[in-house]
Amino acid sequence: MFSLRGLRIWSTLILLTILTSCIPSGIVAIKKLMPSAYDDNEMLMISNLRYDVRQVQCTGDKSHETIVKIWEGKEKLYYYSSAKENEDVLKMVRPFSESMRGLYDSSKSGTMKELYCVEKVINLTKQVDIIANALAARNK
């Protein structure tokens, strides 16, 4: 027959087993809610991206080259932040990437119009500035 003490020990062990199996998933959920920490590499990448967006040439021989440079910088930031699991950064980079897609595709196919490019660059400049300000505001 079970004693009251033995029943308490078993119930405590079962409760501890349940809690320890739930804690890791709870920690992951909490981590996703918290902003990521300041990162020098992300700041360097976003600073380069800000500069590159402002250097886009919407006409001329180097127009595609300047757009590709932004595309590659955005990809580096995305993959770096993805490897670090910085969900807050990824949530900001995804819309920038979607905005960039049309400009990149039209430039690559040679169908880009100057007015379209100018409007996209204005929009991308605003977006990249917002991302840079958010990353800079994180605590060191």
N, C-alpha and C. Protein backbone atom coordinates (compact mmCIF):
# COMPACT_ATOMS: atom_id res chain seq x y z
N MET A 1 0.83 -1.16 0.00
CA MET A 1 0.00 0.00 0.00
C MET A 1 0.88 1.25 0.00
N PHE A 2 0.41 2.32 -0.63
CA PHE A 2 1.16 3.56 -0.72
C PHE A 2 0.99 4.35 0.56
N SER A 3 2.10 4.94 0.97
CA SER A 3 2.02 5.82 2.12
C SER A 3 1.77 7.24 1.63
N LEU A 4 1.35 8.08 2.49
CA LEU A 4 1.10 9.47 2.14
C LEU A 4 2.39 10.16 1.70
N ARG A 5 3.47 9.83 2.37
CA ARG A 5 4.76 10.41 2.02
C ARG A 5 5.21 9.94 0.63
N GLY A 6 5.06 8.68 0.34
CA GLY A 6 5.43 8.15 -0.97
C GLY A 6 4.60 8.77 -2.08
N LEU A 7 3.31 9.00 -1.81
CA LEU A 7 2.43 9.64 -2.79
C LEU A 7 2.87 11.07 -3.07
N ARG A 8 3.29 11.77 -2.02
CA ARG A 8 3.77 13.14 -2.21
C ARG A 8 5.04 13.17 -3.05
N ILE A 9 5.94 12.25 -2.80
CA ILE A 9 7.19 12.19 -3.56
C ILE A 9 6.89 11.92 -5.03
N TRP A 10 6.02 10.96 -5.30
CA TRP A 10 5.68 10.64 -6.69
C TRP A 10 4.98 11.81 -7.39
N SER A 11 4.07 12.45 -6.69
CA SER A 11 3.38 13.59 -7.30
C SER A 11 4.35 14.75 -7.55
N THR A 12 5.31 14.94 -6.64
CA THR A 12 6.31 15.98 -6.84
C THR A 12 7.19 15.65 -8.04
N LEU A 13 7.59 14.39 -8.18
CA LEU A 13 8.41 13.99 -9.33
C LEU A 13 7.67 14.16 -10.65
N ILE A 14 6.41 13.81 -10.66
CA ILE A 14 5.61 13.97 -11.88
C ILE A 14 5.48 15.45 -12.22
N LEU A 15 5.22 16.27 -11.22
CA LEU A 15 5.09 17.71 -11.45
C LEU A 15 6.41 18.30 -11.96
N LEU A 16 7.54 17.91 -11.39
CA LEU A 16 8.84 18.40 -11.84
C LEU A 16 9.12 17.97 -13.29
N THR A 17 8.75 16.75 -13.63
CA THR A 17 8.94 16.26 -15.00
C THR A 17 8.13 17.10 -15.99
N ILE A 18 6.90 17.38 -15.64
CA ILE A 18 6.04 18.19 -16.51
C ILE A 18 6.62 19.61 -16.64
N LEU A 19 7.02 20.21 -15.53
CA LEU A 19 7.56 21.57 -15.57
C LEU A 19 8.85 21.66 -16.37
N THR A 20 9.76 20.70 -16.18
CA THR A 20 11.03 20.77 -16.90
C THR A 20 10.85 20.52 -18.39
N SER A 21 9.80 19.84 -18.78
CA SER A 21 9.56 19.65 -20.22
C SER A 21 8.92 20.89 -20.83
N CYS A 22 8.23 21.70 -20.02
CA CYS A 22 7.57 22.91 -20.53
C CYS A 22 8.46 24.14 -20.48
N ILE A 23 9.42 24.19 -19.59
CA ILE A 23 10.24 25.38 -19.41
C ILE A 23 11.00 25.77 -20.67
N PRO A 24 11.69 24.85 -21.38
CA PRO A 24 12.42 25.29 -22.57
C PRO A 24 11.54 25.97 -23.62
N SER A 25 10.36 25.44 -23.86
CA SER A 25 9.48 26.08 -24.86
C SER A 25 8.98 27.42 -24.35
N GLY A 26 8.79 27.55 -23.04
CA GLY A 26 8.38 28.82 -22.47
C GLY A 26 9.48 29.87 -22.58
N ILE A 27 10.72 29.45 -22.40
CA ILE A 27 11.85 30.37 -22.51
C ILE A 27 11.97 30.86 -23.95
N VAL A 28 11.79 29.97 -24.90
CA VAL A 28 11.85 30.36 -26.31
C VAL A 28 10.76 31.37 -26.63
N ALA A 29 9.57 31.16 -26.12
CA ALA A 29 8.46 32.08 -26.36
C ALA A 29 8.75 33.45 -25.75
N ILE A 30 9.31 33.46 -24.56
CA ILE A 30 9.64 34.73 -23.91
C ILE A 30 10.76 35.44 -24.66
N LYS A 31 11.77 34.68 -25.12
CA LYS A 31 12.89 35.26 -25.85
C LYS A 31 12.42 35.97 -27.12
N LYS A 32 11.41 35.42 -27.79
CA LYS A 32 10.91 36.02 -29.02
C LYS A 32 10.17 37.33 -28.75
N LEU A 33 9.68 37.52 -27.53
CA LEU A 33 8.99 38.76 -27.18
C LEU A 33 9.96 39.88 -26.82
N MET A 34 11.17 39.51 -26.41
CA MET A 34 12.14 40.50 -25.97
C MET A 34 12.94 41.01 -27.17
N PRO A 35 13.26 42.30 -27.20
CA PRO A 35 14.10 42.80 -28.29
C PRO A 35 15.52 42.24 -28.16
N SER A 36 16.16 42.06 -29.29
CA SER A 36 17.52 41.55 -29.26
C SER A 36 18.46 42.64 -28.75
N ALA A 37 19.63 42.21 -28.36
CA ALA A 37 20.62 43.13 -27.81
C ALA A 37 21.34 43.88 -28.92
N TYR A 38 21.97 44.98 -28.55
CA TYR A 38 22.76 45.77 -29.48
C TYR A 38 23.83 44.89 -30.10
N ASP A 39 24.06 45.05 -31.39
CA ASP A 39 25.04 44.23 -32.10
C ASP A 39 25.83 45.13 -33.06
N ASP A 40 27.13 45.20 -32.87
CA ASP A 40 27.98 46.05 -33.71
C ASP A 40 27.91 45.64 -35.19
N ASN A 41 27.85 44.35 -35.44
CA ASN A 41 27.81 43.88 -36.83
C ASN A 41 26.52 44.31 -37.53
N GLU A 42 25.39 44.20 -36.83
CA GLU A 42 24.13 44.64 -37.41
C GLU A 42 24.15 46.14 -37.66
N MET A 43 24.73 46.90 -36.75
CA MET A 43 24.81 48.35 -36.94
C MET A 43 25.68 48.70 -38.14
N LEU A 44 26.78 47.99 -38.32
CA LEU A 44 27.63 48.24 -39.47
C LEU A 44 26.88 47.91 -40.76
N MET A 45 26.18 46.78 -40.77
CA MET A 45 25.45 46.38 -41.98
C MET A 45 24.34 47.37 -42.32
N ILE A 46 23.60 47.83 -41.31
CA ILE A 46 22.50 48.75 -41.60
C ILE A 46 23.05 50.12 -41.99
N SER A 47 24.19 50.51 -41.44
CA SER A 47 24.81 51.78 -41.85
C SER A 47 25.25 51.71 -43.31
N ASN A 48 25.85 50.60 -43.69
CA ASN A 48 26.24 50.41 -45.09
C ASN A 48 25.02 50.42 -46.00
N LEU A 49 23.95 49.79 -45.54
CA LEU A 49 22.72 49.74 -46.33
C LEU A 49 22.12 51.15 -46.49
N ARG A 50 22.14 51.93 -45.44
CA ARG A 50 21.65 53.32 -45.52
C ARG A 50 22.45 54.10 -46.55
N TYR A 51 23.76 53.95 -46.52
CA TYR A 51 24.62 54.64 -47.47
C TYR A 51 24.33 54.18 -48.90
N ASP A 52 24.23 52.87 -49.09
CA ASP A 52 24.01 52.32 -50.43
C ASP A 52 22.67 52.75 -51.02
N VAL A 53 21.63 52.83 -50.19
CA VAL A 53 20.32 53.26 -50.69
C VAL A 53 20.43 54.70 -51.21
N ARG A 54 21.18 55.52 -50.53
CA ARG A 54 21.33 56.92 -50.94
C ARG A 54 22.23 57.08 -52.16
N GLN A 55 22.94 56.04 -52.54
CA GLN A 55 23.85 56.10 -53.69
C GLN A 55 23.24 55.49 -54.96
N VAL A 56 21.98 55.09 -54.92
CA VAL A 56 21.36 54.46 -56.08
C VAL A 56 21.33 55.43 -57.25
N GLN A 57 21.68 54.91 -58.41
CA GLN A 57 21.58 55.67 -59.65
C GLN A 57 20.42 55.08 -60.45
N CYS A 58 19.40 55.86 -60.66
CA CYS A 58 18.21 55.37 -61.35
C CYS A 58 18.37 55.35 -62.86
N THR A 59 19.38 56.01 -63.36
CA THR A 59 19.68 55.98 -64.79
C THR A 59 21.17 55.77 -64.97
N GLY A 60 21.54 55.35 -66.15
CA GLY A 60 22.96 55.21 -66.45
C GLY A 60 23.43 53.78 -66.40
N ASP A 61 24.72 53.64 -66.69
CA ASP A 61 25.33 52.31 -66.79
C ASP A 61 25.41 51.58 -65.45
N LYS A 62 25.50 52.31 -64.37
CA LYS A 62 25.71 51.68 -63.06
C LYS A 62 24.43 51.52 -62.26
N SER A 63 23.29 51.75 -62.87
CA SER A 63 22.04 51.68 -62.11
C SER A 63 21.81 50.28 -61.55
N HIS A 64 21.97 49.26 -62.36
CA HIS A 64 21.74 47.90 -61.86
C HIS A 64 22.78 47.53 -60.80
N GLU A 65 24.01 47.95 -61.00
CA GLU A 65 25.08 47.65 -60.05
C GLU A 65 24.77 48.24 -58.67
N THR A 66 24.26 49.46 -58.63
CA THR A 66 23.95 50.10 -57.35
C THR A 66 22.77 49.42 -56.65
N ILE A 67 21.83 48.93 -57.44
CA ILE A 67 20.67 48.23 -56.87
C ILE A 67 21.07 46.85 -56.35
N VAL A 68 21.94 46.17 -57.08
CA VAL A 68 22.43 44.86 -56.64
C VAL A 68 23.19 45.00 -55.31
N LYS A 69 23.92 46.08 -55.16
CA LYS A 69 24.66 46.31 -53.91
C LYS A 69 23.71 46.40 -52.72
N ILE A 70 22.58 47.07 -52.89
CA ILE A 70 21.57 47.14 -51.83
C ILE A 70 21.00 45.75 -51.56
N TRP A 71 20.67 45.04 -52.62
CA TRP A 71 20.10 43.70 -52.49
C TRP A 71 21.04 42.80 -51.69
N GLU A 72 22.31 42.82 -52.03
CA GLU A 72 23.29 41.98 -51.33
C GLU A 72 23.46 42.40 -49.87
N GLY A 73 23.47 43.70 -49.61
CA GLY A 73 23.57 44.18 -48.23
C GLY A 73 22.39 43.77 -47.39
N LYS A 74 21.21 43.84 -47.99
CA LYS A 74 19.98 43.42 -47.30
C LYS A 74 20.03 41.92 -47.00
N GLU A 75 20.52 41.14 -47.95
CA GLU A 75 20.62 39.70 -47.76
C GLU A 75 21.60 39.36 -46.63
N LYS A 76 22.72 40.05 -46.58
CA LYS A 76 23.71 39.80 -45.52
C LYS A 76 23.11 40.10 -44.15
N LEU A 77 22.42 41.23 -44.04
CA LEU A 77 21.77 41.58 -42.77
C LEU A 77 20.73 40.54 -42.39
N TYR A 78 19.93 40.11 -43.37
CA TYR A 78 18.89 39.13 -43.11
C TYR A 78 19.49 37.80 -42.62
N TYR A 79 20.50 37.31 -43.33
CA TYR A 79 21.07 36.01 -42.96
C TYR A 79 21.82 36.08 -41.63
N TYR A 80 22.49 37.19 -41.37
CA TYR A 80 23.17 37.35 -40.09
C TYR A 80 22.18 37.37 -38.94
N SER A 81 21.13 38.17 -39.08
CA SER A 81 20.12 38.26 -38.03
C SER A 81 19.36 36.96 -37.87
N SER A 82 19.17 36.26 -38.96
CA SER A 82 18.51 34.96 -38.91
C SER A 82 19.36 33.95 -38.13
N ALA A 83 20.66 33.95 -38.38
CA ALA A 83 21.55 33.03 -37.67
C ALA A 83 21.57 33.33 -36.17
N LYS A 84 21.44 34.61 -35.81
CA LYS A 84 21.41 35.00 -34.41
C LYS A 84 20.02 34.87 -33.80
N GLU A 85 19.05 34.53 -34.64
CA GLU A 85 17.65 34.39 -34.22
C GLU A 85 17.10 35.70 -33.64
N ASN A 86 17.46 36.81 -34.27
CA ASN A 86 16.95 38.13 -33.86
C ASN A 86 15.65 38.40 -34.60
N GLU A 87 14.57 37.87 -34.07
CA GLU A 87 13.26 37.99 -34.72
C GLU A 87 12.83 39.44 -34.90
N ASP A 88 13.17 40.30 -33.95
CA ASP A 88 12.76 41.69 -34.06
C ASP A 88 13.42 42.36 -35.28
N VAL A 89 14.66 42.02 -35.56
CA VAL A 89 15.34 42.58 -36.72
C VAL A 89 14.75 42.01 -38.00
N LEU A 90 14.50 40.71 -38.00
CA LEU A 90 13.93 40.06 -39.19
C LEU A 90 12.56 40.64 -39.53
N LYS A 91 11.78 40.99 -38.51
CA LYS A 91 10.46 41.58 -38.76
C LYS A 91 10.56 42.94 -39.43
N MET A 92 11.67 43.62 -39.23
CA MET A 92 11.87 44.92 -39.89
C MET A 92 12.48 44.76 -41.28
N VAL A 93 13.32 43.75 -41.44
CA VAL A 93 14.01 43.56 -42.72
C VAL A 93 13.08 42.96 -43.78
N ARG A 94 12.13 42.13 -43.36
CA ARG A 94 11.22 41.50 -44.34
C ARG A 94 10.44 42.51 -45.18
N PRO A 95 9.80 43.54 -44.59
CA PRO A 95 9.11 44.52 -45.42
C PRO A 95 10.06 45.29 -46.34
N PHE A 96 11.25 45.58 -45.86
CA PHE A 96 12.25 46.24 -46.69
C PHE A 96 12.58 45.35 -47.89
N SER A 97 12.72 44.07 -47.63
CA SER A 97 13.01 43.12 -48.70
C SER A 97 11.88 43.06 -49.72
N GLU A 98 10.65 43.08 -49.24
CA GLU A 98 9.50 43.07 -50.16
C GLU A 98 9.47 44.33 -51.01
N SER A 99 9.79 45.48 -50.41
CA SER A 99 9.84 46.73 -51.17
C SER A 99 10.97 46.70 -52.18
N MET A 100 12.05 46.08 -51.81
CA MET A 100 13.24 46.02 -52.67
C MET A 100 13.04 45.09 -53.85
N ARG A 101 12.20 44.07 -53.68
CA ARG A 101 12.02 43.03 -54.71
C ARG A 101 11.63 43.61 -56.07
N GLY A 102 10.66 44.50 -56.11
CA GLY A 102 10.20 45.06 -57.38
C GLY A 102 11.28 45.86 -58.08
N LEU A 103 12.03 46.65 -57.32
CA LEU A 103 13.11 47.44 -57.89
C LEU A 103 14.20 46.54 -58.44
N TYR A 104 14.56 45.52 -57.67
CA TYR A 104 15.61 44.58 -58.08
C TYR A 104 15.19 43.83 -59.35
N ASP A 105 13.96 43.31 -59.36
CA ASP A 105 13.50 42.54 -60.51
C ASP A 105 13.42 43.39 -61.78
N SER A 106 12.89 44.61 -61.65
CA SER A 106 12.78 45.46 -62.84
C SER A 106 14.15 45.90 -63.34
N SER A 107 15.07 46.11 -62.43
CA SER A 107 16.43 46.47 -62.81
C SER A 107 17.13 45.30 -63.51
N LYS A 108 16.92 44.12 -62.96
CA LYS A 108 17.55 42.91 -63.51
C LYS A 108 17.03 42.61 -64.92
N SER A 109 15.74 42.83 -65.13
CA SER A 109 15.15 42.54 -66.44
C SER A 109 15.35 43.68 -67.44
N GLY A 110 15.82 44.83 -66.97
CA GLY A 110 16.05 45.97 -67.85
C GLY A 110 14.80 46.76 -68.16
N THR A 111 13.72 46.56 -67.39
CA THR A 111 12.45 47.26 -67.63
C THR A 111 12.19 48.39 -66.64
N MET A 112 13.18 48.73 -65.85
CA MET A 112 12.99 49.74 -64.81
C MET A 112 12.85 51.14 -65.43
N LYS A 113 11.85 51.85 -64.98
CA LYS A 113 11.61 53.23 -65.38
C LYS A 113 12.20 54.16 -64.32
N GLU A 114 12.69 55.30 -64.74
CA GLU A 114 13.36 56.23 -63.82
C GLU A 114 12.42 56.70 -62.71
N LEU A 115 11.20 57.08 -63.05
CA LEU A 115 10.26 57.57 -62.04
C LEU A 115 9.95 56.48 -61.00
N TYR A 116 9.76 55.26 -61.47
CA TYR A 116 9.52 54.12 -60.56
C TYR A 116 10.70 53.97 -59.61
N CYS A 117 11.91 54.04 -60.14
CA CYS A 117 13.12 53.89 -59.34
C CYS A 117 13.21 55.00 -58.30
N VAL A 118 12.96 56.23 -58.70
CA VAL A 118 13.05 57.36 -57.76
C VAL A 118 12.04 57.19 -56.62
N GLU A 119 10.82 56.80 -56.95
CA GLU A 119 9.79 56.59 -55.91
C GLU A 119 10.18 55.45 -54.97
N LYS A 120 10.72 54.39 -55.53
CA LYS A 120 11.14 53.25 -54.70
C LYS A 120 12.28 53.65 -53.78
N VAL A 121 13.23 54.40 -54.30
CA VAL A 121 14.37 54.82 -53.49
C VAL A 121 13.91 55.72 -52.33
N ILE A 122 12.96 56.59 -52.58
CA ILE A 122 12.41 57.43 -51.50
C ILE A 122 11.80 56.54 -50.42
N ASN A 123 11.02 55.56 -50.83
CA ASN A 123 10.39 54.64 -49.89
C ASN A 123 11.43 53.80 -49.15
N LEU A 124 12.41 53.28 -49.87
CA LEU A 124 13.46 52.46 -49.25
C LEU A 124 14.30 53.27 -48.27
N THR A 125 14.53 54.54 -48.59
CA THR A 125 15.29 55.42 -47.69
C THR A 125 14.56 55.57 -46.37
N LYS A 126 13.26 55.79 -46.42
CA LYS A 126 12.46 55.90 -45.19
C LYS A 126 12.52 54.60 -44.39
N GLN A 127 12.35 53.48 -45.09
CA GLN A 127 12.35 52.19 -44.40
C GLN A 127 13.70 51.89 -43.75
N VAL A 128 14.78 52.11 -44.47
CA VAL A 128 16.09 51.79 -43.93
C VAL A 128 16.44 52.72 -42.76
N ASP A 129 15.96 53.96 -42.80
CA ASP A 129 16.18 54.88 -41.68
C ASP A 129 15.44 54.41 -40.43
N ILE A 130 14.23 53.93 -40.60
CA ILE A 130 13.46 53.41 -39.47
C ILE A 130 14.17 52.20 -38.85
N ILE A 131 14.65 51.30 -39.70
CA ILE A 131 15.36 50.11 -39.20
C ILE A 131 16.62 50.54 -38.46
N ALA A 132 17.38 51.45 -39.05
CA ALA A 132 18.63 51.90 -38.42
C ALA A 132 18.37 52.56 -37.07
N ASN A 133 17.35 53.39 -36.99
CA ASN A 133 17.01 54.03 -35.71
C ASN A 133 16.59 53.02 -34.66
N ALA A 134 15.85 52.00 -35.08
CA ALA A 134 15.42 50.97 -34.13
C ALA A 134 16.62 50.16 -33.63
N LEU A 135 17.53 49.83 -34.53
CA LEU A 135 18.71 49.05 -34.11
C LEU A 135 19.63 49.88 -33.21
N ALA A 136 19.76 51.16 -33.53
CA ALA A 136 20.61 52.04 -32.71
C ALA A 136 20.02 52.28 -31.34
N ALA A 137 18.71 52.19 -31.20
CA ALA A 137 18.05 52.47 -29.92
C ALA A 137 18.19 51.33 -28.92
N ARG A 138 18.63 50.16 -29.38
CA ARG A 138 18.80 49.05 -28.45
C ARG A 138 19.93 49.35 -27.47
N ASN A 139 19.82 48.83 -26.29
CA ASN A 139 20.83 49.07 -25.26
C ASN A 139 22.11 48.34 -25.58
N LYS A 140 23.22 49.00 -25.29
CA LYS A 140 24.53 48.35 -25.43
C LYS A 140 24.81 47.46 -24.25
